[in-house]
């Protein structure tokens, strides 16, 4: 697996979250990549409302099976790789951001969107689609 990509907080595209959420989430558009096997990899950044505290996650979403994998976490200025990353169901995750990211931009039904450009367009202008 490739190393986690560098990310920039000043380039984040926000993920629309329910209003009760205390954290803000955004994805760095330059980190979104679709692999040959249909996995969408990206870096998502979580921060508190005033931006004073931040964490980042290097993840992959497999639209075909509604699963995600956490490859690495960014804390205290460095990446920590997940020892044995495994595919897990998106809907069983404690946080909703992966579900929102997949449904708002990365996936269309059970396939990745046609291009990273289309993913970003949908993240910037989320339209709820019947899937």
C-alpha atoms as a PDB file:
ATOM      1  CA  UNK A   1       0.000   0.000   0.000  1.00  0.00           C
ATOM      2  CA  UNK A   2       1.322   3.472  -0.804  1.00  0.00           C
ATOM      3  CA  UNK A   3       2.225   5.801   2.052  1.00  0.00           C
ATOM      4  CA  UNK A   4      -0.405   8.315   3.166  1.00  0.00           C
ATOM      5  CA  UNK A   5      -0.365  11.379   0.914  1.00  0.00           C
ATOM      6  CA  UNK A   6       0.441  14.867   2.129  1.00  0.00           C
ATOM      7  CA  UNK A   7      -2.655  16.968   2.765  1.00  0.00           C
ATOM      8  CA  UNK A   8      -3.438  20.648   3.154  1.00  0.00           C
ATOM      9  CA  UNK A   9      -5.994  22.004   5.605  1.00  0.00           C
ATOM     10  CA  UNK A  10      -6.430  25.168   3.527  1.00  0.00           C
ATOM     11  CA  UNK A  11      -7.744  23.162   0.543  1.00  0.00           C
ATOM     12  CA  UNK A  12     -10.391  21.086   2.335  1.00  0.00           C
ATOM     13  CA  UNK A  13     -13.770  20.568   0.697  1.00  0.00           C
ATOM     14  CA  UNK A  14     -16.328  20.403   3.542  1.00  0.00           C
ATOM     15  CA  UNK A  15     -18.466  17.316   4.042  1.00  0.00           C
ATOM     16  CA  UNK A  16     -22.045  18.276   4.826  1.00  0.00           C
ATOM     17  CA  UNK A  17     -22.853  16.857   8.250  1.00  0.00           C
ATOM     18  CA  UNK A  18     -25.961  16.903  10.467  1.00  0.00           C
ATOM     19  CA  UNK A  19     -26.223  20.168  12.461  1.00  0.00           C
ATOM     20  CA  UNK A  20     -25.830  18.416  15.818  1.00  0.00           C
ATOM     21  CA  UNK A  21     -22.267  17.324  14.975  1.00  0.00           C
ATOM     22  CA  UNK A  22     -19.616  19.140  17.022  1.00  0.00           C
ATOM     23  CA  UNK A  23     -16.762  18.280  14.645  1.00  0.00           C
ATOM     24  CA  UNK A  24     -16.245  19.584  11.117  1.00  0.00           C
ATOM     25  CA  UNK A  25     -15.017  17.260   8.395  1.00  0.00           C
ATOM     26  CA  UNK A  26     -13.384  17.984   5.059  1.00  0.00           C
ATOM     27  CA  UNK A  27     -11.522  16.079   2.377  1.00  0.00           C
ATOM     28  CA  UNK A  28      -8.392  17.315   0.600  1.00  0.00           C
ATOM     29  CA  UNK A  29      -9.288  17.095  -3.104  1.00  0.00           C
ATOM     30  CA  UNK A  30      -5.674  16.429  -4.105  1.00  0.00           C
ATOM     31  CA  UNK A  31      -5.663  13.195  -2.082  1.00  0.00           C
ATOM     32  CA  UNK A  32      -8.686  11.572  -3.772  1.00  0.00           C
ATOM     33  CA  UNK A  33      -7.591   8.682  -5.983  1.00  0.00           C
ATOM     34  CA  UNK A  34      -9.487   5.784  -7.538  1.00  0.00           C
ATOM     35  CA  UNK A  35      -7.470   2.567  -7.666  1.00  0.00           C
ATOM     36  CA  UNK A  36      -7.644  -0.048 -10.405  1.00  0.00           C
ATOM     37  CA  UNK A  37      -9.865  -2.254  -8.225  1.00  0.00           C
ATOM     38  CA  UNK A  38     -12.437   0.520  -7.693  1.00  0.00           C
ATOM     39  CA  UNK A  39     -11.388   1.676  -4.223  1.00  0.00           C
ATOM     40  CA  UNK A  40     -11.557   5.431  -3.618  1.00  0.00           C
ATOM     41  CA  UNK A  41      -8.720   6.566  -1.336  1.00  0.00           C
ATOM     42  CA  UNK A  42      -8.581   9.970   0.331  1.00  0.00           C
ATOM     43  CA  UNK A  43      -7.489  11.975   3.373  1.00  0.00           C
ATOM     44  CA  UNK A  44     -10.285  13.361   5.520  1.00  0.00           C
ATOM     45  CA  UNK A  45      -9.618  15.953   8.230  1.00  0.00           C
ATOM     46  CA  UNK A  46     -11.673  16.336  11.403  1.00  0.00           C
ATOM     47  CA  UNK A  47     -11.438  19.504  13.465  1.00  0.00           C
ATOM     48  CA  UNK A  48     -13.328  21.174  16.260  1.00  0.00           C
ATOM     49  CA  UNK A  49     -15.454  24.230  15.456  1.00  0.00           C
ATOM     50  CA  UNK A  50     -12.697  26.792  16.020  1.00  0.00           C
ATOM     51  CA  UNK A  51     -10.069  24.701  14.208  1.00  0.00           C
ATOM     52  CA  UNK A  52      -7.706  24.525  17.181  1.00  0.00           C
ATOM     53  CA  UNK A  53      -7.706  20.712  17.299  1.00  0.00           C
ATOM     54  CA  UNK A  54      -7.289  18.473  14.264  1.00  0.00           C
ATOM     55  CA  UNK A  55      -6.945  14.822  13.253  1.00  0.00           C
ATOM     56  CA  UNK A  56      -6.704  13.285   9.795  1.00  0.00           C
ATOM     57  CA  UNK A  57      -7.452   9.843   8.431  1.00  0.00           C
ATOM     58  CA  UNK A  58      -6.188   8.101   5.300  1.00  0.00           C
ATOM     59  CA  UNK A  59      -9.015   5.810   4.235  1.00  0.00           C
ATOM     60  CA  UNK A  60     -10.484   3.895   1.357  1.00  0.00           C
ATOM     61  CA  UNK A  61     -14.108   3.329   0.401  1.00  0.00           C
ATOM     62  CA  UNK A  62     -15.238   0.350  -1.653  1.00  0.00           C
ATOM     63  CA  UNK A  63     -18.540   1.523  -3.129  1.00  0.00           C
ATOM     64  CA  UNK A  64     -19.391  -1.936  -4.499  1.00  0.00           C
ATOM     65  CA  UNK A  65     -19.724  -3.400  -0.995  1.00  0.00           C
ATOM     66  CA  UNK A  66     -20.430  -0.279   1.148  1.00  0.00           C
ATOM     67  CA  UNK A  67     -17.213  -0.809   3.085  1.00  0.00           C
ATOM     68  CA  UNK A  68     -14.315   1.342   4.267  1.00  0.00           C
ATOM     69  CA  UNK A  69     -10.771   0.707   5.423  1.00  0.00           C
ATOM     70  CA  UNK A  70      -8.636   2.920   7.676  1.00  0.00           C
ATOM     71  CA  UNK A  71      -5.018   2.854   6.464  1.00  0.00           C
ATOM     72  CA  UNK A  72      -3.479   5.480   8.781  1.00  0.00           C
ATOM     73  CA  UNK A  73      -4.207   8.239  11.332  1.00  0.00           C
ATOM     74  CA  UNK A  74      -2.491  11.602  11.554  1.00  0.00           C
ATOM     75  CA  UNK A  75      -1.952  12.834  15.102  1.00  0.00           C
ATOM     76  CA  UNK A  76       0.623  15.155  16.643  1.00  0.00           C
ATOM     77  CA  UNK A  77       2.205  15.949  13.280  1.00  0.00           C
ATOM     78  CA  UNK A  78       2.830  12.416  12.015  1.00  0.00           C
ATOM     79  CA  UNK A  79       1.108   9.477  10.353  1.00  0.00           C
ATOM     80  CA  UNK A  80       0.554   6.242  12.280  1.00  0.00           C
ATOM     81  CA  UNK A  81      -0.285   3.330  10.016  1.00  0.00           C
ATOM     82  CA  UNK A  82      -3.046   0.922  10.994  1.00  0.00           C
ATOM     83  CA  UNK A  83      -1.404  -2.408  11.855  1.00  0.00           C
ATOM     84  CA  UNK A  84      -3.767  -4.683   9.914  1.00  0.00           C
ATOM     85  CA  UNK A  85      -6.360  -2.615   8.067  1.00  0.00           C
ATOM     86  CA  UNK A  86      -9.527  -4.580   7.329  1.00  0.00           C
ATOM     87  CA  UNK A  87     -12.659  -3.804   5.363  1.00  0.00           C
ATOM     88  CA  UNK A  88     -15.591  -2.884   7.585  1.00  0.00           C
ATOM     89  CA  UNK A  89     -19.199  -1.983   6.867  1.00  0.00           C
ATOM     90  CA  UNK A  90     -19.671   1.787   6.569  1.00  0.00           C
ATOM     91  CA  UNK A  91     -22.990   1.661   8.427  1.00  0.00           C
ATOM     92  CA  UNK A  92     -21.411   0.057  11.519  1.00  0.00           C
ATOM     93  CA  UNK A  93     -18.919   2.892  11.957  1.00  0.00           C
ATOM     94  CA  UNK A  94     -19.185   5.130  15.022  1.00  0.00           C
ATOM     95  CA  UNK A  95     -18.768   8.306  12.988  1.00  0.00           C
ATOM     96  CA  UNK A  96     -21.059   9.291  10.140  1.00  0.00           C
ATOM     97  CA  UNK A  97     -18.522  11.185   8.057  1.00  0.00           C
ATOM     98  CA  UNK A  98     -17.537   8.181   5.923  1.00  0.00           C
ATOM     99  CA  UNK A  99     -21.187   7.454   5.126  1.00  0.00           C
ATOM    100  CA  UNK A 100     -21.787  11.117   4.251  1.00  0.00           C
ATOM    101  CA  UNK A 101     -18.617  11.322   2.153  1.00  0.00           C
ATOM    102  CA  UNK A 102     -19.512   8.176   0.209  1.00  0.00           C
ATOM    103  CA  UNK A 103     -23.134   9.170  -0.399  1.00  0.00           C
ATOM    104  CA  UNK A 104     -22.507  12.858  -1.139  1.00  0.00           C
ATOM    105  CA  UNK A 105     -19.577  12.516  -3.467  1.00  0.00           C
ATOM    106  CA  UNK A 106     -17.518   9.373  -3.840  1.00  0.00           C
ATOM    107  CA  UNK A 107     -20.077   6.747  -4.824  1.00  0.00           C
ATOM    108  CA  UNK A 108     -23.029   6.580  -7.140  1.00  0.00           C
ATOM    109  CA  UNK A 109     -24.929   3.526  -6.054  1.00  0.00           C
ATOM    110  CA  UNK A 110     -22.418   0.694  -5.829  1.00  0.00           C
ATOM    111  CA  UNK A 111     -19.736   2.185  -8.063  1.00  0.00           C
ATOM    112  CA  UNK A 112     -17.296   5.078  -7.791  1.00  0.00           C
ATOM    113  CA  UNK A 113     -18.370   8.206  -9.651  1.00  0.00           C
ATOM    114  CA  UNK A 114     -16.940   8.597 -13.143  1.00  0.00           C
ATOM    115  CA  UNK A 115     -14.072  10.906 -12.124  1.00  0.00           C
ATOM    116  CA  UNK A 116     -12.519  12.739  -9.211  1.00  0.00           C
ATOM    117  CA  UNK A 117     -13.853  15.945 -10.790  1.00  0.00           C
ATOM    118  CA  UNK A 118     -17.401  14.595 -10.593  1.00  0.00           C
ATOM    119  CA  UNK A 119     -16.815  13.540  -6.980  1.00  0.00           C
ATOM    120  CA  UNK A 120     -15.672  17.053  -6.067  1.00  0.00           C
ATOM    121  CA  UNK A 121     -18.550  18.686  -7.915  1.00  0.00           C
ATOM    122  CA  UNK A 122     -21.008  16.564  -5.942  1.00  0.00           C
ATOM    123  CA  UNK A 123     -19.258  17.265  -2.622  1.00  0.00           C
ATOM    124  CA  UNK A 124     -19.365  21.005  -3.268  1.00  0.00           C
ATOM    125  CA  UNK A 125     -23.048  20.857  -4.291  1.00  0.00           C
ATOM    126  CA  UNK A 126     -24.498  17.825  -2.495  1.00  0.00           C
ATOM    127  CA  UNK A 127     -27.629  16.447  -4.129  1.00  0.00           C
ATOM    128  CA  UNK A 128     -29.356  13.579  -2.447  1.00  0.00           C
ATOM    129  CA  UNK A 129     -29.868  10.842  -4.996  1.00  0.00           C
ATOM    130  CA  UNK A 130     -32.044   7.769  -4.818  1.00  0.00           C
ATOM    131  CA  UNK A 131     -29.638   4.851  -4.712  1.00  0.00           C
END
